Protein backbone atom coordinates (compact mmCIF):
# COMPACT_ATOMS: atom_id res chain seq x y z
CA UNK A 1 -12.31 14.46 -27.57
CA UNK A 2 -8.85 15.51 -28.64
CA UNK A 3 -7.08 13.91 -31.57
CA UNK A 4 -3.44 12.86 -31.51
CA UNK A 5 -0.98 11.94 -34.23
CA UNK A 6 1.05 8.86 -33.28
CA UNK A 7 4.26 8.06 -35.17
CA UNK A 8 6.32 4.92 -34.62
CA UNK A 9 10.01 5.84 -34.50
CA UNK A 10 11.57 2.74 -32.93
CA UNK A 11 11.41 -0.91 -33.94
CA UNK A 12 9.55 -3.68 -32.13
CA UNK A 13 12.35 -6.17 -32.81
CA UNK A 14 13.41 -7.71 -29.51
CA UNK A 15 10.42 -6.26 -27.65
CA UNK A 16 7.96 -8.34 -25.61
CA UNK A 17 5.00 -9.80 -27.49
CA UNK A 18 2.60 -7.59 -25.50
CA UNK A 19 4.28 -4.45 -26.87
CA UNK A 20 4.21 -5.81 -30.43
CA UNK A 21 0.47 -6.46 -30.13
CA UNK A 22 -0.13 -2.99 -28.69
CA UNK A 23 1.69 -1.39 -31.64
CA UNK A 24 -0.45 -3.45 -34.03
CA UNK A 25 -3.63 -2.45 -32.17
CA UNK A 26 -2.67 1.21 -32.61
CA UNK A 27 -2.50 0.63 -36.37
CA UNK A 28 1.27 0.88 -36.58
CA UNK A 29 3.93 -1.72 -37.34
CA UNK A 30 6.48 -0.09 -39.61
CA UNK A 31 8.88 2.71 -38.79
CA UNK A 32 7.76 6.27 -39.52
CA UNK A 33 4.15 5.20 -40.01
CA UNK A 34 1.71 7.78 -38.62
CA UNK A 35 -1.91 7.36 -37.55
CA UNK A 36 -4.40 9.86 -36.17
CA UNK A 37 -6.60 8.65 -33.31
CA UNK A 38 -9.18 10.02 -30.89
CA UNK A 39 -7.66 10.29 -27.43
CA UNK A 40 -9.75 8.40 -24.90
CA UNK A 41 -8.72 6.55 -21.72
CA UNK A 42 -8.22 3.22 -23.53
CA UNK A 43 -6.07 4.82 -26.24
CA UNK A 44 -4.07 6.75 -23.64
CA UNK A 45 -3.34 3.50 -21.80
CA UNK A 46 -2.05 1.83 -24.97
CA UNK A 47 0.12 4.84 -25.78
CA UNK A 48 1.59 4.83 -22.27
CA UNK A 49 2.61 1.17 -22.57
CA UNK A 50 4.71 1.77 -25.70
CA UNK A 51 5.53 5.49 -25.43
CA UNK A 52 9.27 4.73 -25.68
CA UNK A 53 8.67 3.58 -29.31
CA UNK A 54 6.48 6.52 -30.35
CA UNK A 55 6.28 10.25 -30.90
CA UNK A 56 2.92 11.72 -29.93
CA UNK A 57 1.70 15.09 -31.26
CA UNK A 58 -1.62 16.88 -30.90
CA UNK A 59 -3.55 16.93 -34.18
């Protein structure tokens, strides 16, 4: 599977609780924090839900 680098670039302040929980599940929560994850269908779904808060790069 491919790996992706996910960086949070926008805040979760004022966002729905579902989006806040998705960011936490991705291992993020603070601005400019980056995590590297395996890209699978479940991960892709979470990324799609909060893509407006993230920058996604191939690792």
